PDB file of N, CA and C in Angstrom:
ATOM      1  N   MET A   1       1.032  -1.326  -0.177  1.00  0.00           N
ATOM      2  CA  MET A   1      -0.075  -0.241  -0.027  1.00  0.00           C
ATOM      3  C   MET A   1       1.130   1.209  -0.245  1.00  0.00           C
ATOM      4  N   LYS A   2       0.674   2.313  -1.127  1.00  0.00           N
ATOM      5  CA  LYS A   2       1.472   3.223  -1.262  1.00  0.00           C
ATOM      6  C   LYS A   2       0.717   4.431  -0.489  1.00  0.00           C
ATOM      7  N   LYS A   3       1.588   5.288   0.166  1.00  0.00           N
ATOM      8  CA  LYS A   3       1.267   6.568   0.748  1.00  0.00           C
ATOM      9  C   LYS A   3       1.372   7.860   0.007  1.00  0.00           C
ATOM     10  N   LYS A   4       0.356   8.575  -0.582  1.00  0.00           N
ATOM     11  CA  LYS A   4       0.505   9.849  -0.975  1.00  0.00           C
ATOM     12  C   LYS A   4       0.446  10.982  -0.493  1.00  0.00           C
ATOM     13  N   THR A   5       0.804  12.220  -0.681  1.00  0.00           N
ATOM     14  CA  THR A   5       0.464  13.484   0.220  1.00  0.00           C
ATOM     15  C   THR A   5       0.205  14.431  -0.898  1.00  0.00           C
ATOM     16  N   TYR A   6      -0.992  14.877  -0.377  1.00  0.00           N
ATOM     17  CA  TYR A   6      -1.416  16.100  -1.268  1.00  0.00           C
ATOM     18  C   TYR A   6      -1.751  17.352  -0.406  1.00  0.00           C
ATOM     19  N   SER A   7      -1.769  18.555  -0.918  1.00  0.00           N
ATOM     20  CA  SER A   7      -2.283  19.490  -0.002  1.00  0.00           C
ATOM     21  C   SER A   7      -3.818  19.671   0.093  1.00  0.00           C
ATOM     22  N   LEU A   8      -4.497  20.498   0.777  1.00  0.00           N
ATOM     23  CA  LEU A   8      -6.053  20.427   0.971  1.00  0.00           C
ATOM     24  C   LEU A   8      -6.677  21.218  -0.364  1.00  0.00           C
ATOM     25  N   TYR A   9      -5.739  22.122  -1.061  1.00  0.00           N
ATOM     26  CA  TYR A   9      -6.085  22.627  -2.246  1.00  0.00           C
ATOM     27  C   TYR A   9      -5.925  21.595  -3.338  1.00  0.00           C
ATOM     28  N   GLU A  10      -4.848  20.970  -3.387  1.00  0.00           N
ATOM     29  CA  GLU A  10      -4.752  19.547  -4.412  1.00  0.00           C
ATOM     30  C   GLU A  10      -5.758  18.705  -4.317  1.00  0.00           C
ATOM     31  N   THR A  11      -6.316  18.253  -3.188  1.00  0.00           N
ATOM     32  CA  THR A  11      -7.419  17.101  -2.819  1.00  0.00           C
ATOM     33  C   THR A  11      -8.705  17.724  -3.040  1.00  0.00           C
ATOM     34  N   LYS A  12      -9.181  18.993  -2.851  1.00  0.00           N
ATOM     35  CA  LYS A  12     -10.343  19.543  -3.416  1.00  0.00           C
ATOM     36  C   LYS A  12     -10.356  19.260  -4.967  1.00  0.00           C
ATOM     37  N   ALA A  13      -9.149  19.830  -5.595  1.00  0.00           N
ATOM     38  CA  ALA A  13      -9.176  19.959  -7.232  1.00  0.00           C
ATOM     39  C   ALA A  13      -9.332  18.508  -7.602  1.00  0.00           C
ATOM     40  N   HIS A  14      -8.817  17.265  -7.079  1.00  0.00           N
ATOM     41  CA  HIS A  14      -8.659  16.059  -7.894  1.00  0.00           C
ATOM     42  C   HIS A  14      -9.223  14.862  -6.748  1.00  0.00           C
ATOM     43  N   LEU A  15     -10.302  15.352  -6.031  1.00  0.00           N
ATOM     44  CA  LEU A  15     -10.879  14.468  -5.165  1.00  0.00           C
ATOM     45  C   LEU A  15     -11.337  12.999  -5.999  1.00  0.00           C
ATOM     46  N   SER A  16     -11.847  12.988  -7.061  1.00  0.00           N
ATOM     47  CA  SER A  16     -12.209  11.952  -7.741  1.00  0.00           C
ATOM     48  C   SER A  16     -11.156  10.880  -8.055  1.00  0.00           C
ATOM     49  N   ALA A  17     -10.116  11.450  -8.646  1.00  0.00           N
ATOM     50  CA  ALA A  17      -8.877  10.510  -8.820  1.00  0.00           C
ATOM     51  C   ALA A  17      -8.429  10.223  -7.660  1.00  0.00           C
ATOM     52  N   ILE A  18      -8.408  11.115  -6.314  1.00  0.00           N
ATOM     53  CA  ILE A  18      -7.518  10.666  -5.281  1.00  0.00           C
ATOM     54  C   ILE A  18      -8.545   9.500  -4.508  1.00  0.00           C
ATOM     55  N   VAL A  19     -10.116   9.259  -4.848  1.00  0.00           N
ATOM     56  CA  VAL A  19     -10.865   8.330  -4.270  1.00  0.00           C
ATOM     57  C   VAL A  19     -10.560   7.102  -5.228  1.00  0.00           C
ATOM     58  N   ARG A  20     -10.461   7.298  -6.523  1.00  0.00           N
ATOM     59  CA  ARG A  20     -10.000   5.853  -7.314  1.00  0.00           C
ATOM     60  C   ARG A  20      -8.492   5.298  -6.569  1.00  0.00           C
ATOM     61  N   GLN A  21      -7.742   6.451  -6.474  1.00  0.00           N
ATOM     62  CA  GLN A  21      -6.444   5.755  -5.959  1.00  0.00           C
ATOM     63  C   GLN A  21      -6.403   4.755  -4.607  1.00  0.00           C
ATOM     64  N   VAL A  22      -7.368   5.595  -3.800  1.00  0.00           N
ATOM     65  CA  VAL A  22      -7.826   4.657  -2.556  1.00  0.00           C
ATOM     66  C   VAL A  22      -8.428   3.804  -2.662  1.00  0.00           C
ATOM     67  N   ARG A  23      -9.570   3.340  -3.427  1.00  0.00           N
ATOM     68  CA  ARG A  23     -10.089   2.185  -3.927  1.00  0.00           C
ATOM     69  C   ARG A  23      -9.245   1.097  -4.492  1.00  0.00           C
ATOM     70  N   GLU A  24      -7.918   1.797  -5.018  1.00  0.00           N
ATOM     71  CA  GLU A  24      -7.237   0.570  -5.494  1.00  0.00           C
ATOM     72  C   GLU A  24      -6.136   0.176  -4.355  1.00  0.00           C
ATOM     73  N   GLY A  25      -6.082   0.704  -3.032  1.00  0.00           N
ATOM     74  CA  GLY A  25      -5.414   0.096  -2.178  1.00  0.00           C
ATOM     75  C   GLY A  25      -4.694   1.089  -1.561  1.00  0.00           C
ATOM     76  N   ASP A  26      -4.221   2.700  -2.406  1.00  0.00           N
ATOM     77  CA  ASP A  26      -3.263   3.411  -1.698  1.00  0.00           C
ATOM     78  C   ASP A  26      -4.155   4.088  -0.641  1.00  0.00           C
ATOM     79  N   SER A  27      -3.226   4.794   0.159  1.00  0.00           N
ATOM     80  CA  SER A  27      -3.642   5.824   1.281  1.00  0.00           C
ATOM     81  C   SER A  27      -3.159   7.083   0.951  1.00  0.00           C
ATOM     82  N   VAL A  28      -3.957   8.004   1.247  1.00  0.00           N
ATOM     83  CA  VAL A  28      -3.416   9.649   1.067  1.00  0.00           C
ATOM     84  C   VAL A  28      -3.422  10.137   2.353  1.00  0.00           C
ATOM     85  N   ILE A  29      -2.341  11.221   2.357  1.00  0.00           N
ATOM     86  CA  ILE A  29      -2.585  12.062   3.494  1.00  0.00           C
ATOM     87  C   ILE A  29      -2.630  13.662   2.863  1.00  0.00           C
ATOM     88  N   VAL A  30      -3.495  14.147   3.590  1.00  0.00           N
ATOM     89  CA  VAL A  30      -3.912  15.349   3.124  1.00  0.00           C
ATOM     90  C   VAL A  30      -3.072  16.633   4.124  1.00  0.00           C
ATOM     91  N   THR A  31      -2.534  17.404   3.540  1.00  0.00           N
ATOM     92  CA  THR A  31      -2.221  18.313   4.599  1.00  0.00           C
ATOM     93  C   THR A  31      -2.481  19.750   4.426  1.00  0.00           C
ATOM     94  N   VAL A  32      -2.532  20.597   5.702  1.00  0.00           N
ATOM     95  CA  VAL A  32      -2.878  21.750   5.520  1.00  0.00           C
ATOM     96  C   VAL A  32      -1.720  22.449   6.104  1.00  0.00           C
ATOM     97  N   HIS A  33      -1.446  23.725   5.354  1.00  0.00           N
ATOM     98  CA  HIS A  33      -0.241  24.621   5.684  1.00  0.00           C
ATOM     99  C   HIS A  33       1.130  23.674   5.645  1.00  0.00           C
ATOM    100  N   GLY A  34       0.930  22.546   5.130  1.00  0.00           N
ATOM    101  CA  GLY A  34       2.497  21.758   4.882  1.00  0.00           C
ATOM    102  C   GLY A  34       2.324  20.663   6.290  1.00  0.00           C
ATOM    103  N   GLU A  35       1.319  20.789   7.128  1.00  0.00           N
ATOM    104  CA  GLU A  35       1.252  19.766   8.149  1.00  0.00           C
ATOM    105  C   GLU A  35       0.287  18.622   7.665  1.00  0.00           C
ATOM    106  N   PRO A  36       0.397  17.611   8.263  1.00  0.00           N
ATOM    107  CA  PRO A  36      -0.361  16.505   8.075  1.00  0.00           C
ATOM    108  C   PRO A  36      -1.688  16.637   9.094  1.00  0.00           C
ATOM    109  N   ALA A  37      -2.696  16.355   8.143  1.00  0.00           N
ATOM    110  CA  ALA A  37      -3.941  16.870   9.165  1.00  0.00           C
ATOM    111  C   ALA A  37      -4.962  15.687   8.949  1.00  0.00           C
ATOM    112  N   VAL A  38      -5.002  14.952   7.860  1.00  0.00           N
ATOM    113  CA  VAL A  38      -5.940  13.794   7.879  1.00  0.00           C
ATOM    114  C   VAL A  38      -5.407  12.546   6.806  1.00  0.00           C
ATOM    115  N   GLU A  39      -5.725  11.468   6.891  1.00  0.00           N
ATOM    116  CA  GLU A  39      -5.504  10.222   6.155  1.00  0.00           C
ATOM    117  C   GLU A  39      -6.741   9.392   5.439  1.00  0.00           C
ATOM    118  N   ILE A  40      -6.781   9.425   4.298  1.00  0.00           N
ATOM    119  CA  ILE A  40      -7.630   8.742   3.606  1.00  0.00           C
ATOM    120  C   ILE A  40      -7.459   7.513   3.217  1.00  0.00           C
ATOM    121  N   ARG A  41      -7.889   6.492   3.877  1.00  0.00           N
ATOM    122  CA  ARG A  41      -7.810   5.109   3.621  1.00  0.00           C
ATOM    123  C   ARG A  41      -8.700   4.136   3.036  1.00  0.00           C
ATOM    124  N   PRO A  42      -8.358   3.189   2.523  1.00  0.00           N
ATOM    125  CA  PRO A  42      -9.596   2.146   2.096  1.00  0.00           C
ATOM    126  C   PRO A  42     -10.486   1.577   3.143  1.00  0.00           C
ATOM    127  N   VAL A  43     -11.641   1.463   3.021  1.00  0.00           N
ATOM    128  CA  VAL A  43     -12.103   0.677   4.135  1.00  0.00           C
ATOM    129  C   VAL A  43     -11.933  -0.652   4.378  1.00  0.00           C
ATOM    130  N   ALA A  44     -11.677  -1.346   5.498  1.00  0.00           N
ATOM    131  CA  ALA A  44     -11.575  -2.623   5.332  1.00  0.00           C
ATOM    132  C   ALA A  44     -12.792  -3.436   5.138  1.00  0.00           C
ATOM    133  N   LYS A  45     -12.242  -4.493   4.444  1.00  0.00           N
ATOM    134  CA  LYS A  45     -13.227  -5.089   3.941  1.00  0.00           C
ATOM    135  C   LYS A  45     -13.888  -6.290   5.062  1.00  0.00           C
ATOM    136  N   LYS A  46     -15.320  -6.354   4.901  1.00  0.00           N
ATOM    137  CA  LYS A  46     -16.191  -6.803   6.064  1.00  0.00           C
ATOM    138  C   LYS A  46     -15.488  -8.407   6.096  1.00  0.00           C
ATOM    139  N   THR A  47     -15.424  -9.218   6.887  1.00  0.00           N
ATOM    140  CA  THR A  47     -15.020 -10.574   7.156  1.00  0.00           C
ATOM    141  C   THR A  47     -16.353 -11.175   7.488  1.00  0.00           C
ATOM    142  N   ALA A  48     -16.432 -12.463   7.102  1.00  0.00           N
ATOM    143  CA  ALA A  48     -17.564 -13.040   7.808  1.00  0.00           C
ATOM    144  C   ALA A  48     -17.242 -13.472   9.352  1.00  0.00           C
ATOM    145  N   LYS A  49     -18.272 -13.507  10.231  1.00  0.00           N
ATOM    146  CA  LYS A  49     -18.125 -13.811  11.564  1.00  0.00           C
ATOM    147  C   LYS A  49     -18.392 -15.213  11.758  1.00  0.00           C
ATOM    148  N   PRO A  50     -16.831 -15.729  12.451  1.00  0.00           N
ATOM    149  CA  PRO A  50     -16.722 -17.126  12.830  1.00  0.00           C
ATOM    150  C   PRO A  50     -17.903 -17.596  13.891  1.00  0.00           C
ATOM    151  N   LEU A  51     -18.193 -18.830  13.141  1.00  0.00           N
ATOM    152  CA  LEU A  51     -19.504 -19.433  13.859  1.00  0.00           C
ATOM    153  C   LEU A  51     -18.913 -19.907  15.230  1.00  0.00           C
ATOM    154  N   THR A  52     -20.125 -19.910  16.487  1.00  0.00           N
ATOM    155  CA  THR A  52     -19.900 -20.513  17.440  1.00  0.00           C
ATOM    156  C   THR A  52     -19.796 -21.960  17.573  1.00  0.00           C
ATOM    157  N   PRO A  53     -19.254 -22.661  18.327  1.00  0.00           N
ATOM    158  CA  PRO A  53     -19.174 -23.938  18.241  1.00  0.00           C
ATOM    159  C   PRO A  53     -20.708 -24.511  18.609  1.00  0.00           C
ATOM    160  N   ASN A  54     -21.642 -23.996  18.980  1.00  0.00           N
ATOM    161  CA  ASN A  54     -23.153 -24.629  18.938  1.00  0.00           C
ATOM    162  C   ASN A  54     -23.668 -24.286  17.511  1.00  0.00           C
ATOM    163  N   GLU A  55     -23.200 -23.058  16.863  1.00  0.00           N
ATOM    164  CA  GLU A  55     -23.928 -22.769  15.929  1.00  0.00           C
ATOM    165  C   GLU A  55     -23.236 -23.829  14.477  1.00  0.00           C
ATOM    166  N   ALA A  56     -22.078 -23.998  14.684  1.00  0.00           N
ATOM    167  CA  ALA A  56     -21.391 -24.985  13.802  1.00  0.00           C
ATOM    168  C   ALA A  56     -21.684 -26.399  13.836  1.00  0.00           C
ATOM    169  N   ARG A  57     -22.187 -26.623  15.289  1.00  0.00           N
ATOM    170  CA  ARG A  57     -22.739 -28.127  15.457  1.00  0.00           C
ATOM    171  C   ARG A  57     -24.211 -28.136  14.631  1.00  0.00           C
ATOM    172  N   ARG A  58     -24.718 -26.998  14.933  1.00  0.00           N
ATOM    173  CA  ARG A  58     -26.199 -26.938  14.422  1.00  0.00           C
ATOM    174  C   ARG A  58     -26.175 -26.802  12.924  1.00  0.00           C
ATOM    175  N   LEU A  59     -25.536 -26.518  12.288  1.00  0.00           N
ATOM    176  CA  LEU A  59     -25.439 -26.462  10.889  1.00  0.00           C
ATOM    177  C   LEU A  59     -24.876 -28.059  10.269  1.00  0.00           C
ATOM    178  N   GLU A  60     -24.056 -28.552  11.142  1.00  0.00           N
ATOM    179  CA  GLU A  60     -23.380 -29.640  10.814  1.00  0.00           C
ATOM    180  C   GLU A  60     -24.579 -30.741  10.870  1.00  0.00           C
ATOM    181  N   LEU A  61     -25.457 -30.945  12.071  1.00  0.00           N
ATOM    182  CA  LEU A  61     -26.615 -31.683  12.347  1.00  0.00           C
ATOM    183  C   LEU A  61     -27.597 -31.236  10.939  1.00  0.00           C
ATOM    184  N   ILE A  62     -27.871 -30.322  10.605  1.00  0.00           N
ATOM    185  CA  ILE A  62     -28.949 -29.927   9.584  1.00  0.00           C
ATOM    186  C   ILE A  62     -28.523 -30.667   8.301  1.00  0.00           C
ATOM    187  N   ALA A  63     -26.881 -30.344   8.053  1.00  0.00           N
ATOM    188  CA  ALA A  63     -26.365 -31.035   6.800  1.00  0.00           C
ATOM    189  C   ALA A  63     -26.686 -32.708   6.794  1.00  0.00           C
ATOM    190  N   LEU A  64     -26.488 -33.264   8.018  1.00  0.00           N
ATOM    191  CA  LEU A  64     -26.573 -34.686   8.183  1.00  0.00           C
ATOM    192  C   LEU A  64     -27.816 -35.218   7.884  1.00  0.00           C
ATOM    193  N   GLY A  65     -29.111 -34.446   8.018  1.00  0.00           N
ATOM    194  CA  GLY A  65     -30.313 -34.593   8.325  1.00  0.00           C
ATOM    195  C   GLY A  65     -30.730 -35.020   9.564  1.00  0.00           C
ATOM    196  N   GLU A  66     -30.055 -34.720  10.351  1.00  0.00           N
ATOM    197  CA  GLU A  66     -30.555 -35.233  11.696  1.00  0.00           C
ATOM    198  C   GLU A  66     -31.193 -34.176  12.765  1.00  0.00           C
ATOM    199  N   LEU A  67     -31.024 -32.979  12.191  1.00  0.00           N
ATOM    200  CA  LEU A  67     -31.876 -31.939  12.825  1.00  0.00           C
ATOM    201  C   LEU A  67     -32.590 -31.298  11.488  1.00  0.00           C
ATOM    202  N   ILE A  68     -34.082 -31.047  11.555  1.00  0.00           N
ATOM    203  CA  ILE A  68     -34.834 -30.280  10.910  1.00  0.00           C
ATOM    204  C   ILE A  68     -35.196 -28.873  11.464  1.00  0.00           C
ATOM    205  N   PRO A  69     -34.883 -27.856  10.507  1.00  0.00           N
ATOM    206  CA  PRO A  69     -34.938 -26.546  11.434  1.00  0.00           C
ATOM    207  C   PRO A  69     -36.667 -26.147  11.550  1.00  0.00           C
ATOM    208  N   ALA A  70     -37.136 -25.720  12.152  1.00  0.00           N
ATOM    209  CA  ALA A  70     -38.387 -25.088  12.298  1.00  0.00           C
ATOM    210  C   ALA A  70     -38.760 -24.328  11.352  1.00  0.00           C
ATOM    211  N   ARG A  71     -39.845 -24.380  10.637  1.00  0.00           N
ATOM    212  CA  ARG A  71     -40.617 -23.781   9.422  1.00  0.00           C
ATOM    213  C   ARG A  71     -40.939 -22.466   9.678  1.00  0.00           C
ATOM    214  N   ASP A  72     -41.027 -22.207  11.342  1.00  0.00           N
ATOM    215  CA  ASP A  72     -41.419 -20.909  11.643  1.00  0.00           C
ATOM    216  C   ASP A  72     -40.759 -20.789  13.069  1.00  0.00           C
ATOM    217  N   PRO A  73     -39.484 -20.242  13.022  1.00  0.00           N
ATOM    218  CA  PRO A  73     -38.821 -20.336  14.473  1.00  0.00           C
ATOM    219  C   PRO A  73     -39.414 -19.282  15.472  1.00  0.00           C
ATOM    220  N   HIS A  74     -40.479 -18.390  14.974  1.00  0.00           N
ATOM    221  CA  HIS A  74     -41.186 -18.098  16.131  1.00  0.00           C
ATOM    222  C   HIS A  74     -42.406 -18.379  16.799  1.00  0.00           C
ATOM    223  N   ALA A  75     -42.775 -19.525  15.916  1.00  0.00           N
ATOM    224  CA  ALA A  75     -44.079 -20.073  16.219  1.00  0.00           C
ATOM    225  C   ALA A  75     -44.023 -20.873  17.667  1.00  0.00           C
ATOM    226  N   ALA A  76     -45.182 -20.744  18.541  1.00  0.00           N
ATOM    227  CA  ALA A  76     -45.177 -21.385  19.759  1.00  0.00           C
ATOM    228  C   ALA A  76     -44.860 -22.656  19.842  1.00  0.00           C
ATOM    229  N   ILE A  77     -44.450 -23.427  20.751  1.00  0.00           N
ATOM    230  CA  ILE A  77     -43.995 -24.621  21.095  1.00  0.00           C
ATOM    231  C   ILE A  77     -45.282 -25.401  21.899  1.00  0.00           C
ATOM    232  N   VAL A  78     -45.849 -26.396  20.909  1.00  0.00           N
ATOM    233  CA  VAL A  78     -47.068 -26.749  21.718  1.00  0.00           C
ATOM    234  C   VAL A  78     -46.673 -28.445  22.071  1.00  0.00           C
ATOM    235  N   PRO A  79     -46.939 -28.369  23.470  1.00  0.00           N
ATOM    236  CA  PRO A  79     -46.481 -29.905  23.956  1.00  0.00           C
ATOM    237  C   PRO A  79     -47.370 -31.050  23.670  1.00  0.00           C
ATOM    238  N   GLY A  80     -46.958 -32.466  23.389  1.00  0.00           N
ATOM    239  CA  GLY A  80     -47.374 -33.084  22.896  1.00  0.00           C
ATOM    240  C   GLY A  80     -48.337 -34.095  24.176  1.00  0.00           C
ATOM    241  N   ARG A  81     -49.484 -34.705  23.618  1.00  0.00           N
ATOM    242  CA  ARG A  81     -50.272 -35.171  24.581  1.00  0.00           C
ATOM    243  C   ARG A  81     -49.521 -36.231  25.377  1.00  0.00           C
ATOM    244  N   PRO A  82     -49.937 -36.113  26.890  1.00  0.00           N
ATOM    245  CA  PRO A  82     -49.171 -37.024  27.720  1.00  0.00           C
ATOM    246  C   PRO A  82     -49.653 -38.782  27.415  1.00  0.00           C
ATOM    247  N   LYS A  83     -48.882 -39.531  27.417  1.00  0.00           N
ATOM    248  CA  LYS A  83     -49.372 -40.793  27.270  1.00  0.00           C
ATOM    249  C   LYS A  83     -49.535 -41.674  28.756  1.00  0.00           C
ATOM    250  N   PRO A  84     -50.764 -42.244  28.812  1.00  0.00           N
ATOM    251  CA  PRO A  84     -50.814 -42.793  30.077  1.00  0.00           C
ATOM    252  C   PRO A  84     -50.051 -43.957  30.825  1.00  0.00           C
ATOM    253  N   GLY A  85     -49.504 -43.831  31.752  1.00  0.00           N
ATOM    254  CA  GLY A  85     -48.468 -44.438  32.275  1.00  0.00           C
ATOM    255  C   GLY A  85     -47.129 -44.184  32.313  1.00  0.00           C
ATOM    256  N   ALA A  86     -47.073 -42.861  31.841  1.00  0.00           N
ATOM    257  CA  ALA A  86     -45.712 -42.210  31.380  1.00  0.00           C
ATOM    258  C   ALA A  86     -45.002 -42.109  32.670  1.00  0.00           C
ATOM    259  N   LEU A  87     -45.534 -41.560  33.555  1.00  0.00           N
ATOM    260  CA  LEU A  87     -44.700 -41.421  35.076  1.00  0.00           C
ATOM    261  C   LEU A  87     -44.391 -42.740  35.395  1.00  0.00           C
ATOM    262  N   LYS A  88     -45.029 -43.711  35.444  1.00  0.00           N
ATOM    263  CA  LYS A  88     -44.870 -44.884  36.005  1.00  0.00           C
ATOM    264  C   LYS A  88     -43.627 -45.726  35.429  1.00  0.00           C
ATOM    265  N   ARG A  89     -43.861 -45.594  33.966  1.00  0.00           N
ATOM    266  CA  ARG A  89     -42.644 -46.166  33.436  1.00  0.00           C
ATOM    267  C   ARG A  89     -41.110 -45.606  33.379  1.00  0.00           C
ATOM    268  N   PHE A  90     -41.569 -44.139  33.406  1.00  0.00           N
ATOM    269  CA  PHE A  90     -40.163 -43.217  34.189  1.00  0.00           C
ATOM    270  C   PHE A  90     -39.464 -43.780  35.144  1.00  0.00           C
ATOM    271  N   LEU A  91     -40.439 -43.875  36.353  1.00  0.00           N
ATOM    272  CA  LEU A  91     -39.840 -44.211  37.511  1.00  0.00           C
ATOM    273  C   LEU A  91     -39.348 -45.565  37.628  1.00  0.00           C
ATOM    274  N   ALA A  92     -39.985 -46.488  36.843  1.00  0.00           N
ATOM    275  CA  ALA A  92     -39.500 -47.831  36.889  1.00  0.00           C
ATOM    276  C   ALA A  92     -38.075 -48.139  36.259  1.00  0.00           C
ATOM    277  N   ASP A  93     -37.931 -47.029  35.034  1.00  0.00           N
ATOM    278  CA  ASP A  93     -36.801 -47.062  34.369  1.00  0.00           C
ATOM    279  C   ASP A  93     -35.587 -46.429  35.207  1.00  0.00           C
ATOM    280  N   ARG A  94     -35.780 -45.447  35.873  1.00  0.00           N
ATOM    281  CA  ARG A  94     -34.986 -44.670  36.870  1.00  0.00           C
ATOM    282  C   ARG A  94     -34.521 -45.443  37.855  1.00  0.00           C
ATOM    283  N   ASN A  95     -35.271 -46.657  38.567  1.00  0.00           N
ATOM    284  CA  ASN A  95     -34.974 -47.418  39.587  1.00  0.00           C
ATOM    285  C   ASN A  95     -34.332 -48.600  39.544  1.00  0.00           C
ATOM    286  N   LYS A  96     -34.186 -48.973  37.953  1.00  0.00           N
ATOM    287  CA  LYS A  96     -33.466 -50.151  37.657  1.00  0.00           C
ATOM    288  C   LYS A  96     -31.998 -50.100  38.090  1.00  0.00           C
TER     289      LYS A  96
END
């Protein structure tokens, strides 16, 4: 990345060309009365946010077909109907 220096007067007169240079990767220093005042530099490219371990695992399970994403993630969760004797079976399994 090259750095070039322009006076404020030159910057105002050639702003379009300076912006083109900056978009190509150069940085530009603008001086006022011979003293550096500001730097014009390219905006950093946005990088993808890394996935959390939980999010990566969720995507992996979806790809394997072991997890099916909700059609409407904001829908209310409706509990299933209880099966008769479920508590008795649970307690019997727990006490084995």
